Amino acid sequence: MYSRIAGTGHYVPERILTNAELEKIVDTTDEWIRSRSGIEQRHIAADDQTTASLAIEAAKRAIEAAGITPGDIDFLVVGTTTPDLVFPNVGTIVQEALGIHGCAAFSVEAACSGFIYALSIADKFVTSGESKNALVIGAETLSRITDWTDRSTCVLFGDGAGAVVLQPSTEQGIISTHLHADGQYKDLLYAPAGVSKRPQGDLNKEFAIHMQGNEAFKLAVKTLGAVVKETLEANSLDHDALDWLVPHQANKRIIEATAKRLGMPMEKVILTVAKYGNTSAASVPMALDVAVRDGRIKRGDLLLAEAFGGGFTWGSALIRF
């Protein structure tokens, strides 16, 4: 028994923040941002929008694409680093909004790898027979923890959500997942305050993302290359067997470096970073849905999804769509 993606969906806020607008906020330029990240714009949540409200809209679209109703969902997991509240968790907020009652609903905190982690968990519930319709979401409002005076980070991040519905199938779907973490690198990419670790200074700056960009970049390229190799070897596959690479949309240069290690042309890589920026746990399901809806990804295609995030965490999923 496999779990297979039955439907996909994504949602982004209406507000678009362009590089030209950022030039008026911090000491940066459109050329600098594009050349170092590939980002041209990002979407920013409105004051009345939360991570859950973005997740709800993405979930509705995935449920509709799967041809089911919210009442059919019997398992719900959300990957996010920016929850609405300490508790209840984002999963339960989404559950209530969709009119779903009684099934397991929870959130996973693994930074940008959150969706891959959540997908791996949901896959186990479906293949074990405990779930018939599992809703898996990646959602973020990173603008809420962005220091808009820090030009090294504020140009990178955006808000959005993506979702998939998993159903049991006798045909291949989620073929394998591979999850990793190494806390020794935690100081390279982190938000320094939380609930039990109280902020000491300016609240906004204390909660904001801190990143040592060059070091994080090097480790991202190294670890993503390794997990891609691990995934292919575990399934006795050559990179030529892949139809698409669906990477975490952190930085175009990281994506290009990963594709180069794979020997994959960029024409076989799904890129959305220019339009949406880095949406952390939302980026992989958003990219997947964009490519499904524009017709690039078709039934039967073999996909490799991968992500790398603060912690550090990283992971991959080999998927027969």
Protein backbone atom coordinates (compact mmCIF):
# COMPACT_ATOMS: atom_id res chain seq x y z
CA MET A 1 0.00 0.00 0.00
CA TYR A 2 1.20 3.49 -0.89
CA SER A 3 -0.07 6.96 -0.15
CA ARG A 4 -0.62 9.07 -3.24
CA ILE A 5 -1.24 12.76 -3.79
CA ALA A 6 -4.89 13.13 -4.80
CA GLY A 7 -5.04 16.93 -4.90
CA THR A 8 -2.89 20.04 -4.47
CA GLY A 9 -3.57 23.68 -3.65
CA HIS A 10 -1.85 26.90 -2.68
CA TYR A 11 -2.72 30.41 -1.59
CA VAL A 12 -0.80 33.68 -1.22
CA PRO A 13 -1.92 37.07 0.15
CA GLU A 14 -2.89 39.80 -2.29
CA ARG A 15 -0.26 42.29 -1.12
CA ILE A 16 2.90 42.15 -3.25
CA LEU A 17 6.14 43.72 -2.05
CA THR A 18 8.54 44.34 -4.92
CA ASN A 19 12.29 44.81 -4.85
CA ALA A 20 11.75 48.41 -5.95
CA GLU A 21 9.69 49.02 -2.83
CA LEU A 22 12.38 47.45 -0.65
CA GLU A 23 14.90 49.90 -2.11
CA LYS A 24 12.94 52.61 -0.28
CA ILE A 25 12.99 50.72 3.02
CA VAL A 26 16.59 49.49 3.32
CA ASP A 27 19.94 50.07 1.63
CA THR A 28 19.59 47.57 -1.21
CA THR A 29 18.90 47.41 -4.93
CA ASP A 30 16.78 45.30 -7.22
CA GLU A 31 19.92 44.14 -9.03
CA TRP A 32 21.59 43.08 -5.77
CA ILE A 33 18.55 41.07 -4.64
CA ARG A 34 18.05 39.37 -8.01
CA SER A 35 21.71 38.48 -8.47
CA ARG A 36 22.08 36.92 -5.02
CA SER A 37 18.71 35.28 -4.53
CA GLY A 38 16.74 35.32 -7.78
CA ILE A 39 13.84 37.00 -5.96
CA GLU A 40 11.87 39.73 -7.70
CA GLN A 41 8.89 40.08 -5.34
CA ARG A 42 7.15 38.43 -2.40
CA HIS A 43 3.61 38.34 -0.98
CA ILE A 44 2.91 39.83 2.45
CA ALA A 45 -0.02 38.90 4.70
CA ALA A 46 -2.54 41.60 5.56
CA ASP A 47 -2.97 42.67 9.18
CA ASP A 48 -6.06 40.49 9.54
CA GLN A 49 -4.43 37.42 7.97
CA THR A 50 -2.61 34.71 9.92
CA THR A 51 -0.74 31.52 9.10
CA ALA A 52 -3.96 29.58 9.71
CA SER A 53 -6.04 31.76 7.41
CA LEU A 54 -3.54 31.20 4.57
CA ALA A 55 -3.48 27.48 5.34
CA ILE A 56 -7.28 27.28 5.25
CA GLU A 57 -7.46 28.70 1.73
CA ALA A 58 -4.72 26.38 0.43
CA ALA A 59 -6.46 23.43 2.09
CA LYS A 60 -9.80 24.24 0.44
CA ARG A 61 -8.17 24.20 -2.98
CA ALA A 62 -6.37 20.90 -2.35
CA ILE A 63 -9.56 19.28 -1.04
CA GLU A 64 -11.50 20.47 -4.09
CA ALA A 65 -8.77 19.19 -6.42
CA ALA A 66 -8.94 15.78 -4.71
CA GLY A 67 -12.68 15.61 -5.41
CA ILE A 68 -13.64 15.16 -1.76
CA THR A 69 -15.26 17.28 0.96
CA PRO A 70 -13.71 18.63 4.17
CA GLY A 71 -15.74 16.05 6.08
CA ASP A 72 -13.75 13.29 4.39
CA ILE A 73 -10.48 14.46 5.98
CA ASP A 74 -9.45 12.11 8.78
CA PHE A 75 -5.90 13.35 9.50
CA LEU A 76 -4.46 16.87 9.41
CA VAL A 77 -0.89 18.05 9.88
CA VAL A 78 0.63 21.49 9.28
CA GLY A 79 4.31 22.32 8.91
CA THR A 80 4.95 25.86 10.14
CA THR A 81 7.42 28.03 12.03
CA THR A 82 5.00 30.92 12.46
CA PRO A 83 1.93 29.61 14.34
CA ASP A 84 -0.97 31.90 15.14
CA LEU A 85 -0.87 31.05 18.84
CA VAL A 86 1.15 29.07 21.34
CA PHE A 87 -1.91 26.83 21.50
CA PRO A 88 -4.23 25.66 20.12
CA ASN A 89 -1.97 24.58 17.28
CA VAL A 90 -2.50 25.72 13.69
CA GLY A 91 -3.80 22.30 12.69
CA THR A 92 -6.74 22.53 15.07
CA ILE A 93 -7.54 26.08 13.95
CA VAL A 94 -7.63 24.92 10.33
CA GLN A 95 -9.66 21.87 11.35
CA GLU A 96 -12.32 23.97 13.05
CA ALA A 97 -12.53 26.45 10.18
CA LEU A 98 -13.11 23.63 7.69
CA GLY A 99 -15.82 22.07 9.86
CA ILE A 100 -13.81 18.91 10.55
CA HIS A 101 -14.28 17.27 13.94
CA GLY A 102 -12.53 14.52 15.87
CA CYS A 103 -9.54 13.53 13.75
CA ALA A 104 -5.91 14.13 14.72
CA ALA A 105 -4.80 17.69 13.92
CA PHE A 106 -1.41 19.07 14.86
CA SER A 107 1.55 21.17 13.74
CA VAL A 108 5.18 20.27 13.04
CA GLU A 109 7.98 22.76 13.65
CA ALA A 110 10.96 22.02 11.42
CA ALA A 111 11.46 25.42 9.77
CA CYS A 112 11.73 25.25 5.97
CA SER A 113 11.70 21.43 6.08
CA GLY A 114 8.34 21.45 7.87
CA PHE A 115 6.26 20.29 4.91
CA ILE A 116 8.61 17.40 4.08
CA TYR A 117 8.51 16.31 7.73
CA ALA A 118 4.70 16.61 7.79
CA LEU A 119 4.38 14.71 4.51
CA SER A 120 6.51 11.88 5.87
CA ILE A 121 4.32 11.60 8.98
CA ALA A 122 1.08 11.64 6.99
CA ASP A 123 2.45 9.04 4.60
CA LYS A 124 2.98 6.65 7.51
CA PHE A 125 -0.61 7.12 8.71
CA VAL A 126 -2.03 6.46 5.25
CA THR A 127 0.12 3.43 4.47
CA SER A 128 -0.65 1.91 7.87
CA GLY A 129 -4.37 2.13 7.13
CA GLU A 130 -5.11 4.72 9.82
CA SER A 131 -6.04 7.47 7.35
CA LYS A 132 -7.97 7.51 4.09
CA ASN A 133 -7.74 11.24 3.39
CA ALA A 134 -4.79 13.02 5.00
CA LEU A 135 -4.47 16.78 4.63
CA VAL A 136 -0.85 18.00 4.68
CA ILE A 137 -0.14 21.73 4.74
CA GLY A 138 2.91 23.98 4.76
CA ALA A 139 2.06 27.56 5.77
CA GLU A 140 3.98 30.62 6.92
CA THR A 141 3.68 34.32 7.68
CA LEU A 142 7.40 35.00 7.82
CA SER A 143 6.78 38.73 7.47
CA ARG A 144 5.77 38.61 11.16
CA ILE A 145 9.30 37.61 12.21
CA THR A 146 11.26 39.66 9.69
CA ASP A 147 13.40 42.59 10.75
CA TRP A 148 12.63 45.11 8.03
CA THR A 149 15.79 47.08 8.89
CA ASP A 150 18.06 44.05 8.23
CA ARG A 151 18.83 44.14 4.52
CA SER A 152 20.48 40.70 4.59
CA THR A 153 17.23 38.93 5.57
CA CYS A 154 14.24 41.17 4.82
CA VAL A 155 14.69 40.80 1.06
CA LEU A 156 14.37 37.01 1.20
CA PHE A 157 11.11 36.06 2.87
CA GLY A 158 7.43 36.01 1.95
CA ASP A 159 4.10 34.61 3.12
CA GLY A 160 1.98 31.81 1.68
CA ALA A 161 0.59 28.31 2.07
CA GLY A 162 0.48 25.08 0.10
CA ALA A 163 -1.39 21.84 0.70
CA VAL A 164 -1.85 18.30 -0.57
CA VAL A 165 -4.34 15.52 0.13
CA LEU A 166 -2.93 12.01 0.47
CA GLN A 167 -5.03 8.91 -0.17
CA PRO A 168 -4.18 5.19 -0.09
CA SER A 169 -3.28 3.59 -3.41
CA THR A 170 -1.95 0.30 -4.71
CA GLU A 171 0.11 2.33 -7.19
CA GLN A 172 3.28 4.17 -6.23
CA GLY A 173 2.84 7.63 -4.75
CA ILE A 174 5.11 8.67 -1.88
CA ILE A 175 7.87 6.20 -2.61
CA SER A 176 10.26 7.20 0.17
CA THR A 177 11.05 10.07 2.51
CA HIS A 178 14.38 10.90 4.13
CA LEU A 179 14.57 13.20 7.17
CA HIS A 180 17.63 14.65 8.92
CA ALA A 181 18.65 17.29 11.45
CA ASP A 182 21.81 18.54 13.14
CA GLY A 183 21.49 21.01 15.99
CA GLN A 184 25.18 21.90 16.02
CA TYR A 185 24.45 24.41 13.26
CA LYS A 186 21.52 26.09 15.03
CA ASP A 187 23.29 29.45 15.39
CA LEU A 188 23.60 29.93 11.63
CA LEU A 189 19.85 30.41 11.08
CA TYR A 190 17.47 31.05 13.96
CA ALA A 191 14.95 33.30 15.70
CA PRO A 192 16.42 34.00 19.14
CA ALA A 193 13.36 34.35 21.37
CA GLY A 194 10.27 32.33 22.16
CA VAL A 195 7.93 31.36 24.97
CA SER A 196 10.32 29.84 27.51
CA LYS A 197 13.26 31.93 26.31
CA ARG A 198 12.11 35.45 26.87
CA PRO A 199 13.22 38.38 24.67
CA GLN A 200 15.66 40.75 26.36
CA GLY A 201 15.53 43.80 24.12
CA ASP A 202 13.47 45.18 21.25
CA LEU A 203 10.62 42.70 20.87
CA ASN A 204 10.50 42.84 17.07
CA LYS A 205 14.25 42.43 16.66
CA GLU A 206 14.48 39.66 19.28
CA PHE A 207 11.86 37.55 17.54
CA ALA A 208 13.19 38.24 14.05
CA ILE A 209 15.12 35.85 11.82
CA HIS A 210 18.90 35.90 12.24
CA MET A 211 21.08 34.33 9.57
CA GLN A 212 24.74 33.88 8.74
CA GLY A 213 24.11 33.76 5.02
CA ASN A 214 27.38 32.49 3.58
CA GLU A 215 27.76 29.63 6.05
CA ALA A 216 24.10 28.64 5.72
CA PHE A 217 24.43 28.68 1.93
CA LYS A 218 27.42 26.32 1.94
CA LEU A 219 25.76 23.85 4.28
CA ALA A 220 22.49 23.96 2.35
CA VAL A 221 24.22 23.02 -0.90
CA LYS A 222 26.22 20.26 0.80
CA THR A 223 23.34 18.67 2.72
CA LEU A 224 20.80 18.92 -0.10
CA GLY A 225 23.26 17.30 -2.47
CA ALA A 226 23.76 14.49 0.05
CA VAL A 227 20.05 13.88 0.68
CA VAL A 228 19.33 13.83 -3.05
CA LYS A 229 22.07 11.22 -3.52
CA GLU A 230 20.71 9.25 -0.55
CA THR A 231 17.19 9.26 -2.01
CA LEU A 232 18.29 8.05 -5.43
CA GLU A 233 20.57 5.36 -4.05
CA ALA A 234 17.88 4.11 -1.64
CA ASN A 235 15.61 3.53 -4.62
CA SER A 236 18.31 2.29 -7.03
CA LEU A 237 17.66 5.18 -9.40
CA ASP A 238 19.80 7.40 -11.56
CA HIS A 239 19.04 11.11 -11.79
CA ASP A 240 17.94 10.58 -15.38
CA ALA A 241 14.86 8.79 -14.06
CA LEU A 242 13.55 12.00 -12.50
CA ASP A 243 11.05 14.10 -14.39
CA TRP A 244 11.14 17.05 -12.01
CA LEU A 245 13.03 18.49 -9.08
CA VAL A 246 10.70 20.39 -6.72
CA PRO A 247 13.07 22.18 -4.35
CA HIS A 248 12.60 24.43 -1.36
CA GLN A 249 12.55 27.92 -2.83
CA ALA A 250 15.16 29.55 -0.60
CA ASN A 251 17.58 30.95 -3.12
CA LYS A 252 18.00 30.46 -6.84
CA ARG A 253 21.74 29.90 -6.48
CA ILE A 254 21.19 27.05 -4.00
CA ILE A 255 18.64 25.49 -6.34
CA GLU A 256 21.02 25.79 -9.30
CA ALA A 257 23.85 24.23 -7.30
CA THR A 258 21.62 21.28 -6.29
CA ALA A 259 20.48 20.77 -9.87
CA LYS A 260 24.09 20.84 -11.06
CA ARG A 261 25.04 18.13 -8.55
CA LEU A 262 22.13 16.08 -9.87
CA GLY A 263 23.11 16.70 -13.45
CA MET A 264 19.59 18.01 -14.08
CA PRO A 265 18.93 20.86 -16.52
CA MET A 266 17.12 23.84 -15.03
CA GLU A 267 14.27 23.14 -17.46
CA LYS A 268 13.39 20.18 -15.20
CA VAL A 269 13.44 22.24 -12.01
CA ILE A 270 10.30 23.94 -10.66
CA LEU A 271 11.20 27.54 -9.82
CA THR A 272 8.84 29.93 -8.01
CA VAL A 273 11.35 31.85 -5.89
CA ALA A 274 11.28 34.91 -8.18
CA LYS A 275 7.57 35.42 -7.62
CA TYR A 276 7.12 34.33 -4.01
CA GLY A 277 10.53 34.52 -2.30
CA ASN A 278 11.36 32.10 0.49
CA THR A 279 8.09 30.97 2.09
CA SER A 280 9.79 28.38 4.30
CA ALA A 281 7.57 25.33 4.94
CA ALA A 282 5.08 26.55 2.34
CA SER A 283 7.52 26.70 -0.56
CA VAL A 284 7.59 23.04 -1.66
CA PRO A 285 3.79 22.49 -1.73
CA MET A 286 3.29 25.91 -3.34
CA ALA A 287 5.79 25.10 -6.10
CA LEU A 288 4.20 21.69 -6.57
CA ASP A 289 0.71 23.13 -6.97
CA VAL A 290 1.87 25.86 -9.36
CA ALA A 291 3.46 23.24 -11.63
CA VAL A 292 0.49 20.89 -11.42
CA ARG A 293 -1.98 23.62 -12.32
CA ASP A 294 0.06 25.03 -15.21
CA GLY A 295 0.37 21.53 -16.69
CA ARG A 296 4.08 20.89 -16.29
CA ILE A 297 3.70 18.14 -13.70
CA LYS A 298 1.44 15.35 -14.93
CA ARG A 299 0.14 12.07 -13.55
CA GLY A 300 2.88 9.45 -13.60
CA ASP A 301 5.76 11.93 -13.38
CA LEU A 302 8.57 11.11 -10.95
CA LEU A 303 9.38 14.02 -8.63
CA LEU A 304 12.09 14.66 -6.09
CA ALA A 305 11.11 17.24 -3.46
CA GLU A 306 13.71 18.52 -1.01
CA ALA A 307 14.09 21.21 1.64
CA PHE A 308 16.62 22.64 4.06
CA GLY A 309 15.88 24.88 7.04
CA GLY A 310 16.95 26.31 10.37
CA GLY A 311 17.82 23.85 13.06
CA PHE A 312 19.39 22.65 10.82
CA THR A 313 16.77 20.33 9.39
CA TRP A 314 16.63 18.85 5.92
CA GLY A 315 14.79 16.17 4.05
CA SER A 316 13.51 14.80 0.77
CA ALA A 317 10.60 12.89 -0.72
CA LEU A 318 10.56 10.77 -3.85
CA ILE A 319 7.08 10.99 -5.34
CA ARG A 320 5.33 9.34 -8.25
CA PHE A 321 2.65 11.89 -9.01
